[in-house]
Amino acid sequence: MVHSSEIWDPLRKKSVACTPEEEVRQWFIGAVLHEEMGVPEHMMMSEVSLTFNNMDRRADIVVYSRSGKPAMIVECKRPEVELGQETVDQALRYNKVLDVKYITITNGRKTFMFRRGEEGYEYLEKAPTWEEIK
């Protein structure tokens, strides 16, 4: 099978380099956020620039609420990257800038979702729907 060197990003509306991490991002945008959770494409952005401790960073995917405020950060990793505290900490650093209610980390094989509650972030057994997020 010929492997394409580019993949279409419907959020950026352009073809981008087809890296393993990008494949995970595009799978999550289409299969999970859009199809499973029902998030409209126009309420998501990929590669969102932000500044943390005077350093430029990029959040892989940000889902916005109806009011236009960030509601969820999704941090994507290559499938062979283990999802551990380091990945969670990365998403939490981005959250200091974006202040979202939901944080998700995924490598395409495993996905962990968290919702901010009274005592901090709690693990979710299943993905929230768009109705719950917005």
C-alpha atoms as a PDB file:
ATOM      1  CA  MET A   1       0.000   0.000   0.000  1.00  0.00           C
ATOM      2  CA  VAL A   2       1.301   3.438  -0.915  1.00  0.00           C
ATOM      3  CA  HIS A   3       1.360   5.734   2.085  1.00  0.00           C
ATOM      4  CA  SER A   4       0.487   9.331   1.278  1.00  0.00           C
ATOM      5  CA  SER A   5       2.900  11.959   2.518  1.00  0.00           C
ATOM      6  CA  GLU A   6       0.034  14.353   3.224  1.00  0.00           C
ATOM      7  CA  ILE A   7      -3.303  14.180   5.028  1.00  0.00           C
ATOM      8  CA  TRP A   8      -6.247  16.607   4.822  1.00  0.00           C
ATOM      9  CA  ASP A   9      -6.969  18.662   7.934  1.00  0.00           C
ATOM     10  CA  PRO A  10     -10.605  19.812   7.725  1.00  0.00           C
ATOM     11  CA  LEU A  11     -10.028  22.345  10.500  1.00  0.00           C
ATOM     12  CA  ARG A  12      -7.052  24.082   8.878  1.00  0.00           C
ATOM     13  CA  LYS A  13      -8.646  23.447   5.461  1.00  0.00           C
ATOM     14  CA  LYS A  14      -5.379  22.281   3.918  1.00  0.00           C
ATOM     15  CA  SER A  15      -3.188  19.230   3.423  1.00  0.00           C
ATOM     16  CA  VAL A  16      -0.511  18.776   6.072  1.00  0.00           C
ATOM     17  CA  ALA A  17       2.444  16.406   6.462  1.00  0.00           C
ATOM     18  CA  CYS A  18       1.181  12.936   7.336  1.00  0.00           C
ATOM     19  CA  THR A  19       3.180  12.171  10.481  1.00  0.00           C
ATOM     20  CA  PRO A  20       2.097   9.483  12.969  1.00  0.00           C
ATOM     21  CA  GLU A  21       0.967  12.209  15.391  1.00  0.00           C
ATOM     22  CA  GLU A  22      -0.989  13.950  12.627  1.00  0.00           C
ATOM     23  CA  GLU A  23      -2.767  10.679  11.773  1.00  0.00           C
ATOM     24  CA  VAL A  24      -3.827  10.416  15.433  1.00  0.00           C
ATOM     25  CA  ARG A  25      -5.007  14.047  15.398  1.00  0.00           C
ATOM     26  CA  GLN A  26      -7.078  13.592  12.223  1.00  0.00           C
ATOM     27  CA  TRP A  27      -8.589  10.335  13.517  1.00  0.00           C
ATOM     28  CA  PHE A  28      -9.561  12.052  16.768  1.00  0.00           C
ATOM     29  CA  ILE A  29     -11.062  15.071  14.987  1.00  0.00           C
ATOM     30  CA  GLY A  30     -13.182  12.954  12.633  1.00  0.00           C
ATOM     31  CA  ALA A  31     -14.014   9.723  14.439  1.00  0.00           C
ATOM     32  CA  VAL A  32     -14.162  10.875  18.059  1.00  0.00           C
ATOM     33  CA  LEU A  33     -14.915  14.587  18.283  1.00  0.00           C
ATOM     34  CA  HIS A  34     -17.112  14.917  15.199  1.00  0.00           C
ATOM     35  CA  GLU A  35     -18.803  11.518  14.793  1.00  0.00           C
ATOM     36  CA  GLU A  36     -18.909  10.089  18.333  1.00  0.00           C
ATOM     37  CA  MET A  37     -19.247  13.260  20.403  1.00  0.00           C
ATOM     38  CA  GLY A  38     -21.116  15.342  17.810  1.00  0.00           C
ATOM     39  CA  VAL A  39     -18.828  18.401  17.889  1.00  0.00           C
ATOM     40  CA  PRO A  40     -19.363  20.582  14.798  1.00  0.00           C
ATOM     41  CA  GLU A  41     -16.132  21.111  12.841  1.00  0.00           C
ATOM     42  CA  HIS A  42     -16.478  24.893  13.078  1.00  0.00           C
ATOM     43  CA  MET A  43     -16.262  24.598  16.895  1.00  0.00           C
ATOM     44  CA  MET A  44     -12.783  22.995  16.743  1.00  0.00           C
ATOM     45  CA  MET A  45      -9.326  24.279  15.856  1.00  0.00           C
ATOM     46  CA  SER A  46      -6.086  22.364  15.398  1.00  0.00           C
ATOM     47  CA  GLU A  47      -2.568  23.637  16.119  1.00  0.00           C
ATOM     48  CA  VAL A  48      -3.764  26.488  18.363  1.00  0.00           C
ATOM     49  CA  SER A  49      -0.925  28.883  19.242  1.00  0.00           C
ATOM     50  CA  LEU A  50      -0.538  29.940  22.848  1.00  0.00           C
ATOM     51  CA  THR A  51       2.191  31.392  25.050  1.00  0.00           C
ATOM     52  CA  PHE A  52       3.154  29.816  28.370  1.00  0.00           C
ATOM     53  CA  ASN A  53       6.067  31.158  30.482  1.00  0.00           C
ATOM     54  CA  ASN A  54       7.116  33.352  27.528  1.00  0.00           C
ATOM     55  CA  MET A  55       7.403  30.275  25.291  1.00  0.00           C
ATOM     56  CA  ASP A  56       5.298  29.713  22.182  1.00  0.00           C
ATOM     57  CA  ARG A  57       3.412  26.414  22.230  1.00  0.00           C
ATOM     58  CA  ARG A  58       0.692  24.749  20.176  1.00  0.00           C
ATOM     59  CA  ALA A  59      -2.289  22.865  21.529  1.00  0.00           C
ATOM     60  CA  ASP A  60      -3.088  19.994  19.142  1.00  0.00           C
ATOM     61  CA  ILE A  61      -6.864  20.481  19.196  1.00  0.00           C
ATOM     62  CA  VAL A  62      -9.080  22.967  21.034  1.00  0.00           C
ATOM     63  CA  VAL A  63     -12.859  22.567  21.177  1.00  0.00           C
ATOM     64  CA  TYR A  64     -14.803  25.784  21.743  1.00  0.00           C
ATOM     65  CA  SER A  65     -18.102  26.339  23.545  1.00  0.00           C
ATOM     66  CA  ARG A  66     -21.000  28.141  21.886  1.00  0.00           C
ATOM     67  CA  SER A  67     -19.813  31.373  23.503  1.00  0.00           C
ATOM     68  CA  GLY A  68     -16.458  30.976  21.740  1.00  0.00           C
ATOM     69  CA  LYS A  69     -14.482  30.170  24.881  1.00  0.00           C
ATOM     70  CA  PRO A  70     -12.106  27.174  24.885  1.00  0.00           C
ATOM     71  CA  ALA A  71     -13.882  24.183  26.460  1.00  0.00           C
ATOM     72  CA  MET A  72     -11.570  21.214  25.763  1.00  0.00           C
ATOM     73  CA  ILE A  73      -7.877  20.691  25.023  1.00  0.00           C
ATOM     74  CA  VAL A  74      -6.825  17.516  23.193  1.00  0.00           C
ATOM     75  CA  GLU A  75      -3.139  16.571  23.274  1.00  0.00           C
ATOM     76  CA  CYS A  76      -2.211  13.989  20.608  1.00  0.00           C
ATOM     77  CA  LYS A  77       0.857  11.763  20.632  1.00  0.00           C
ATOM     78  CA  ARG A  78       2.273   9.189  18.213  1.00  0.00           C
ATOM     79  CA  PRO A  79       0.846   5.673  18.819  1.00  0.00           C
ATOM     80  CA  GLU A  80       4.120   4.380  20.297  1.00  0.00           C
ATOM     81  CA  VAL A  81       4.295   7.161  22.918  1.00  0.00           C
ATOM     82  CA  GLU A  82       3.091   6.010  26.332  1.00  0.00           C
ATOM     83  CA  LEU A  83       0.523   8.332  27.874  1.00  0.00           C
ATOM     84  CA  GLY A  84       1.806   9.219  31.300  1.00  0.00           C
ATOM     85  CA  GLN A  85       2.069  12.064  33.744  1.00  0.00           C
ATOM     86  CA  GLU A  86       4.326  14.019  31.379  1.00  0.00           C
ATOM     87  CA  THR A  87       1.566  14.177  28.738  1.00  0.00           C
ATOM     88  CA  VAL A  88      -1.037  15.132  31.351  1.00  0.00           C
ATOM     89  CA  ASP A  89       1.292  17.835  32.687  1.00  0.00           C
ATOM     90  CA  GLN A  90       1.734  19.222  29.151  1.00  0.00           C
ATOM     91  CA  ALA A  91      -2.044  19.552  28.734  1.00  0.00           C
ATOM     92  CA  LEU A  92      -2.332  21.112  32.197  1.00  0.00           C
ATOM     93  CA  ARG A  93       0.318  23.714  31.290  1.00  0.00           C
ATOM     94  CA  TYR A  94      -1.720  24.659  28.201  1.00  0.00           C
ATOM     95  CA  ASN A  95      -4.772  24.812  30.411  1.00  0.00           C
ATOM     96  CA  LYS A  96      -3.165  27.514  32.546  1.00  0.00           C
ATOM     97  CA  VAL A  97      -3.525  29.679  29.443  1.00  0.00           C
ATOM     98  CA  LEU A  98      -6.841  28.359  28.061  1.00  0.00           C
ATOM     99  CA  ASP A  99      -8.745  27.465  31.298  1.00  0.00           C
ATOM    100  CA  VAL A 100     -10.896  24.640  29.918  1.00  0.00           C
ATOM    101  CA  LYS A 101     -13.307  22.287  31.628  1.00  0.00           C
ATOM    102  CA  TYR A 102     -12.182  19.175  29.687  1.00  0.00           C
ATOM    103  CA  ILE A 103      -8.699  17.785  29.034  1.00  0.00           C
ATOM    104  CA  THR A 104      -8.047  14.818  26.747  1.00  0.00           C
ATOM    105  CA  ILE A 105      -4.837  12.974  25.895  1.00  0.00           C
ATOM    106  CA  THR A 106      -4.625  10.305  23.195  1.00  0.00           C
ATOM    107  CA  ASN A 107      -2.097   8.293  21.227  1.00  0.00           C
ATOM    108  CA  GLY A 108      -4.735   6.680  19.018  1.00  0.00           C
ATOM    109  CA  ARG A 109      -4.562   3.428  20.982  1.00  0.00           C
ATOM    110  CA  LYS A 110      -5.504   4.824  24.371  1.00  0.00           C
ATOM    111  CA  THR A 111      -7.478   7.924  25.214  1.00  0.00           C
ATOM    112  CA  PHE A 112      -7.942   9.500  28.621  1.00  0.00           C
ATOM    113  CA  MET A 113     -10.496  12.244  29.243  1.00  0.00           C
ATOM    114  CA  PHE A 114     -10.818  14.397  32.327  1.00  0.00           C
ATOM    115  CA  ARG A 115     -13.390  16.967  33.495  1.00  0.00           C
ATOM    116  CA  ARG A 116     -12.702  19.723  35.975  1.00  0.00           C
ATOM    117  CA  GLY A 117     -14.707  19.269  39.127  1.00  0.00           C
ATOM    118  CA  GLU A 118     -14.669  20.698  42.656  1.00  0.00           C
ATOM    119  CA  GLU A 119     -11.445  18.883  43.606  1.00  0.00           C
ATOM    120  CA  GLY A 120      -9.574  19.314  40.322  1.00  0.00           C
ATOM    121  CA  TYR A 121      -9.757  17.075  37.276  1.00  0.00           C
ATOM    122  CA  GLU A 122     -11.565  13.731  37.428  1.00  0.00           C
ATOM    123  CA  TYR A 123     -11.238  10.844  34.977  1.00  0.00           C
ATOM    124  CA  LEU A 124     -14.225  10.269  32.669  1.00  0.00           C
ATOM    125  CA  GLU A 125     -15.325   6.719  31.842  1.00  0.00           C
ATOM    126  CA  LYS A 126     -16.838   7.852  28.547  1.00  0.00           C
ATOM    127  CA  ALA A 127     -16.546  10.811  26.227  1.00  0.00           C
ATOM    128  CA  PRO A 128     -18.873  13.725  26.919  1.00  0.00           C
ATOM    129  CA  THR A 129     -21.337  14.712  24.221  1.00  0.00           C
ATOM    130  CA  TRP A 130     -21.288  18.063  22.456  1.00  0.00           C
ATOM    131  CA  GLU A 131     -24.392  18.958  24.460  1.00  0.00           C
ATOM    132  CA  GLU A 132     -22.427  18.461  27.711  1.00  0.00           C
ATOM    133  CA  ILE A 133     -19.416  20.428  26.476  1.00  0.00           C
ATOM    134  CA  LYS A 134     -21.051  23.464  24.946  1.00  0.00           C
END
